[in-house]
Amino acid sequence: MWEKKDSADRVANYNNPHDVNNVYPWSAYKDEGSSIPDGGAFADFLARLNNCVSSDGRTLSGGFAGQCDWRLPQIGELRSIINCSYSTCLDPIFGPTATSGFTFYWSATTDANQPLGAWGVNFNDHGFFSPALAKANAFIRVRAVRSIP
């Protein structure tokens, strides 16, 4: 199950985690700690989608679409939705994709040759995917996924 993004003006709206223009770093650190998944993609975006504790603090409820297990996709999952029969290489059923600026989307997959980098997909560049994205880069977009049991 994939998160569907919302269209917006050309300005990011961080009050809406589904805004297609929002960008986040994978890691909060620019040094050797960059392999830690603690940047805004995890600590802000996914934390808000998975906000599932009720006001009593004991019950799991809420979450985006009533689910509490949203995550960043692995690179294979992200590549599986590339469909270049559409102008943005992404079926409109997933909502819009970013069309201006740096338009890569993070995966959860670390680059095996460079642990400070992660894989990403650019749907606007013929579905180009690359392992060369520095995890501390704050200009990468996200799209969440969850497994259906």
C-alpha atoms as a PDB file:
ATOM      1  CA  MET A   1       0.000   0.000   0.000  1.00  0.00           C
ATOM      2  CA  TRP A   2       1.476   3.347  -1.072  1.00  0.00           C
ATOM      3  CA  GLU A   3       0.920   6.801   0.323  1.00  0.00           C
ATOM      4  CA  LYS A   4      -0.713   9.102  -2.201  1.00  0.00           C
ATOM      5  CA  LYS A   5       0.818  12.571  -2.401  1.00  0.00           C
ATOM      6  CA  ASP A   6      -1.157  15.828  -2.545  1.00  0.00           C
ATOM      7  CA  SER A   7      -0.659  18.480  -5.146  1.00  0.00           C
ATOM      8  CA  ALA A   8       0.226  21.894  -3.843  1.00  0.00           C
ATOM      9  CA  ASP A   9       1.538  25.234  -4.891  1.00  0.00           C
ATOM     10  CA  ARG A  10       5.254  25.333  -5.605  1.00  0.00           C
ATOM     11  CA  VAL A  11       5.993  25.940  -1.911  1.00  0.00           C
ATOM     12  CA  ALA A  12       6.433  23.124   0.605  1.00  0.00           C
ATOM     13  CA  ASN A  13       3.731  22.775   3.254  1.00  0.00           C
ATOM     14  CA  TYR A  14       5.212  20.889   6.206  1.00  0.00           C
ATOM     15  CA  ASN A  15       1.869  21.032   8.029  1.00  0.00           C
ATOM     16  CA  ASN A  16       0.736  18.460   5.451  1.00  0.00           C
ATOM     17  CA  PRO A  17       3.102  15.468   5.397  1.00  0.00           C
ATOM     18  CA  HIS A  18       1.569  14.385   2.063  1.00  0.00           C
ATOM     19  CA  ASP A  19       2.595  17.581   0.258  1.00  0.00           C
ATOM     20  CA  VAL A  20       4.569  16.594  -2.832  1.00  0.00           C
ATOM     21  CA  ASN A  21       6.961  19.536  -2.365  1.00  0.00           C
ATOM     22  CA  ASN A  22       8.224  18.623   1.119  1.00  0.00           C
ATOM     23  CA  VAL A  23      11.870  17.530   1.343  1.00  0.00           C
ATOM     24  CA  TYR A  24      13.742  15.803   4.157  1.00  0.00           C
ATOM     25  CA  PRO A  25      17.223  14.520   5.021  1.00  0.00           C
ATOM     26  CA  TRP A  26      17.621  10.763   5.563  1.00  0.00           C
ATOM     27  CA  SER A  27      20.056  11.380   8.405  1.00  0.00           C
ATOM     28  CA  ALA A  28      20.447  14.366  10.717  1.00  0.00           C
ATOM     29  CA  TYR A  29      24.252  14.160  10.738  1.00  0.00           C
ATOM     30  CA  LYS A  30      26.755  15.204   8.104  1.00  0.00           C
ATOM     31  CA  ASP A  31      29.595  13.071   9.444  1.00  0.00           C
ATOM     32  CA  GLU A  32      30.118   9.363  10.100  1.00  0.00           C
ATOM     33  CA  GLY A  33      26.783   9.245  11.943  1.00  0.00           C
ATOM     34  CA  SER A  34      25.005   9.693   8.613  1.00  0.00           C
ATOM     35  CA  SER A  35      24.174   6.014   8.426  1.00  0.00           C
ATOM     36  CA  ILE A  36      21.661   6.510  11.253  1.00  0.00           C
ATOM     37  CA  PRO A  37      18.034   6.846  10.030  1.00  0.00           C
ATOM     38  CA  ASP A  38      17.222   9.846  12.210  1.00  0.00           C
ATOM     39  CA  GLY A  39      16.719  12.682   9.731  1.00  0.00           C
ATOM     40  CA  GLY A  40      13.428  14.365   8.941  1.00  0.00           C
ATOM     41  CA  ALA A  41      12.356  11.523   6.632  1.00  0.00           C
ATOM     42  CA  PHE A  42      12.127   9.296   9.713  1.00  0.00           C
ATOM     43  CA  ALA A  43      11.868  11.646  12.711  1.00  0.00           C
ATOM     44  CA  ASP A  44       9.272  13.972  11.162  1.00  0.00           C
ATOM     45  CA  PHE A  45       7.563  12.487   8.097  1.00  0.00           C
ATOM     46  CA  LEU A  46       7.227   8.836   9.184  1.00  0.00           C
ATOM     47  CA  ALA A  47       6.683   9.792  12.826  1.00  0.00           C
ATOM     48  CA  ARG A  48       3.636  11.840  11.808  1.00  0.00           C
ATOM     49  CA  LEU A  49       2.226   9.091   9.581  1.00  0.00           C
ATOM     50  CA  ASN A  50       2.725   6.552  12.368  1.00  0.00           C
ATOM     51  CA  ASN A  51       1.355   8.728  15.190  1.00  0.00           C
ATOM     52  CA  CYS A  52      -0.716   5.925  16.639  1.00  0.00           C
ATOM     53  CA  VAL A  53      -0.936   6.343  20.409  1.00  0.00           C
ATOM     54  CA  SER A  54      -4.250   7.555  21.732  1.00  0.00           C
ATOM     55  CA  SER A  55      -4.625  10.286  24.295  1.00  0.00           C
ATOM     56  CA  ASP A  56      -4.678   7.726  27.144  1.00  0.00           C
ATOM     57  CA  GLY A  57      -1.194   6.558  26.067  1.00  0.00           C
ATOM     58  CA  ARG A  58      -2.165   2.891  26.165  1.00  0.00           C
ATOM     59  CA  THR A  59      -4.142   2.237  23.014  1.00  0.00           C
ATOM     60  CA  LEU A  60      -2.879   2.174  19.463  1.00  0.00           C
ATOM     61  CA  SER A  61      -5.143   4.225  17.263  1.00  0.00           C
ATOM     62  CA  GLY A  62      -4.857   6.848  14.588  1.00  0.00           C
ATOM     63  CA  GLY A  63      -2.063   6.759  12.048  1.00  0.00           C
ATOM     64  CA  PHE A  64      -2.338   7.604   8.378  1.00  0.00           C
ATOM     65  CA  ALA A  65      -5.213   5.660   6.775  1.00  0.00           C
ATOM     66  CA  GLY A  66      -5.719   3.941  10.152  1.00  0.00           C
ATOM     67  CA  GLN A  67      -2.319   2.210   9.895  1.00  0.00           C
ATOM     68  CA  CYS A  68       0.723   2.498  12.149  1.00  0.00           C
ATOM     69  CA  ASP A  69       3.412   0.734  10.097  1.00  0.00           C
ATOM     70  CA  TRP A  70       4.359   3.184   7.345  1.00  0.00           C
ATOM     71  CA  ARG A  71       8.007   3.150   6.237  1.00  0.00           C
ATOM     72  CA  LEU A  72      10.295   4.279   3.443  1.00  0.00           C
ATOM     73  CA  PRO A  73      10.335   1.756   0.597  1.00  0.00           C
ATOM     74  CA  GLN A  74      13.345  -0.373  -0.250  1.00  0.00           C
ATOM     75  CA  ILE A  75      14.887   0.567  -3.608  1.00  0.00           C
ATOM     76  CA  GLY A  76      13.286  -2.458  -5.314  1.00  0.00           C
ATOM     77  CA  GLU A  77       9.848  -1.375  -4.123  1.00  0.00           C
ATOM     78  CA  LEU A  78      10.405   2.205  -5.288  1.00  0.00           C
ATOM     79  CA  ARG A  79      11.665   1.007  -8.673  1.00  0.00           C
ATOM     80  CA  SER A  80       8.606  -1.257  -9.018  1.00  0.00           C
ATOM     81  CA  ILE A  81       6.310   1.756  -9.428  1.00  0.00           C
ATOM     82  CA  ILE A  82       8.367   3.352 -12.224  1.00  0.00           C
ATOM     83  CA  ASN A  83       6.107   3.431 -15.280  1.00  0.00           C
ATOM     84  CA  CYS A  84       7.407   5.596 -18.108  1.00  0.00           C
ATOM     85  CA  SER A  85       4.246   5.244 -20.158  1.00  0.00           C
ATOM     86  CA  TYR A  86       3.302   8.361 -18.146  1.00  0.00           C
ATOM     87  CA  SER A  87       5.125  11.662 -18.622  1.00  0.00           C
ATOM     88  CA  THR A  88       6.525  11.607 -15.068  1.00  0.00           C
ATOM     89  CA  CYS A  89       7.261   7.848 -15.094  1.00  0.00           C
ATOM     90  CA  LEU A  90       4.736   7.474 -12.283  1.00  0.00           C
ATOM     91  CA  ASP A  91       1.109   6.381 -12.601  1.00  0.00           C
ATOM     92  CA  PRO A  92      -1.181   9.256 -11.497  1.00  0.00           C
ATOM     93  CA  ILE A  93      -2.908   6.848  -9.097  1.00  0.00           C
ATOM     94  CA  PHE A  94       0.023   7.538  -6.719  1.00  0.00           C
ATOM     95  CA  GLY A  95      -0.748  11.249  -6.768  1.00  0.00           C
ATOM     96  CA  PRO A  96       1.593  13.836  -8.201  1.00  0.00           C
ATOM     97  CA  THR A  97       5.347  13.615  -8.241  1.00  0.00           C
ATOM     98  CA  ALA A  98       7.655  16.565  -7.840  1.00  0.00           C
ATOM     99  CA  THR A  99       8.324  18.290 -11.143  1.00  0.00           C
ATOM    100  CA  SER A 100      10.768  21.039 -10.247  1.00  0.00           C
ATOM    101  CA  GLY A 101      14.033  21.296  -8.396  1.00  0.00           C
ATOM    102  CA  PHE A 102      15.864  18.197  -7.201  1.00  0.00           C
ATOM    103  CA  THR A 103      13.183  15.551  -7.714  1.00  0.00           C
ATOM    104  CA  PHE A 104      14.664  12.393  -6.199  1.00  0.00           C
ATOM    105  CA  TYR A 105      12.695  10.282  -3.711  1.00  0.00           C
ATOM    106  CA  TRP A 106      14.467   8.475  -0.860  1.00  0.00           C
ATOM    107  CA  SER A 107      14.490   4.726  -0.410  1.00  0.00           C
ATOM    108  CA  ALA A 108      15.398   3.008   2.856  1.00  0.00           C
ATOM    109  CA  THR A 109      18.218   1.174   1.064  1.00  0.00           C
ATOM    110  CA  THR A 110      21.755   2.152   2.049  1.00  0.00           C
ATOM    111  CA  ASP A 111      24.382   2.138  -0.700  1.00  0.00           C
ATOM    112  CA  ALA A 112      26.462  -0.996  -0.031  1.00  0.00           C
ATOM    113  CA  ASN A 113      29.594   0.739  -1.344  1.00  0.00           C
ATOM    114  CA  GLN A 114      29.037   4.004   0.528  1.00  0.00           C
ATOM    115  CA  PRO A 115      27.220   3.680   3.887  1.00  0.00           C
ATOM    116  CA  LEU A 116      26.742   7.468   4.057  1.00  0.00           C
ATOM    117  CA  GLY A 117      24.611   7.267   0.918  1.00  0.00           C
ATOM    118  CA  ALA A 118      21.196   5.838   0.129  1.00  0.00           C
ATOM    119  CA  TRP A 119      19.430   4.895  -3.093  1.00  0.00           C
ATOM    120  CA  GLY A 120      16.775   7.104  -4.626  1.00  0.00           C
ATOM    121  CA  VAL A 121      14.562   7.381  -7.701  1.00  0.00           C
ATOM    122  CA  ASN A 122      13.898  10.388  -9.916  1.00  0.00           C
ATOM    123  CA  PHE A 123      10.551   9.745 -11.609  1.00  0.00           C
ATOM    124  CA  ASN A 124      10.942  12.823 -13.820  1.00  0.00           C
ATOM    125  CA  ASP A 125      14.233  11.655 -15.319  1.00  0.00           C
ATOM    126  CA  HIS A 126      13.001   8.481 -17.048  1.00  0.00           C
ATOM    127  CA  GLY A 127      12.797   6.732 -13.686  1.00  0.00           C
ATOM    128  CA  PHE A 128      16.537   7.168 -13.113  1.00  0.00           C
ATOM    129  CA  PHE A 129      17.701   5.564  -9.875  1.00  0.00           C
ATOM    130  CA  SER A 130      20.961   6.238  -8.119  1.00  0.00           C
ATOM    131  CA  PRO A 131      22.916   5.153  -5.016  1.00  0.00           C
ATOM    132  CA  ALA A 132      24.801   8.442  -4.875  1.00  0.00           C
ATOM    133  CA  LEU A 133      22.493  10.383  -2.570  1.00  0.00           C
ATOM    134  CA  ALA A 134      24.209  11.631   0.594  1.00  0.00           C
ATOM    135  CA  LYS A 135      21.950  10.785   3.545  1.00  0.00           C
ATOM    136  CA  ALA A 136      22.423  14.259   5.031  1.00  0.00           C
ATOM    137  CA  ASN A 137      21.052  15.858   1.821  1.00  0.00           C
ATOM    138  CA  ALA A 138      18.017  17.846   2.919  1.00  0.00           C
ATOM    139  CA  PHE A 139      16.528  18.229  -0.569  1.00  0.00           C
ATOM    140  CA  ILE A 140      15.144  14.735  -1.203  1.00  0.00           C
ATOM    141  CA  ARG A 141      11.446  13.878  -1.235  1.00  0.00           C
ATOM    142  CA  VAL A 142       9.721  10.892   0.369  1.00  0.00           C
ATOM    143  CA  ARG A 143       6.836   8.575  -0.411  1.00  0.00           C
ATOM    144  CA  ALA A 144       5.729   6.060   2.222  1.00  0.00           C
ATOM    145  CA  VAL A 145       4.734   2.443   1.796  1.00  0.00           C
ATOM    146  CA  ARG A 146       3.470  -0.317   4.051  1.00  0.00           C
ATOM    147  CA  SER A 147       3.189  -4.069   3.642  1.00  0.00           C
ATOM    148  CA  ILE A 148      -0.227  -5.608   3.533  1.00  0.00           C
ATOM    149  CA  PRO A 149      -0.302  -8.862   5.520  1.00  0.00           C
END
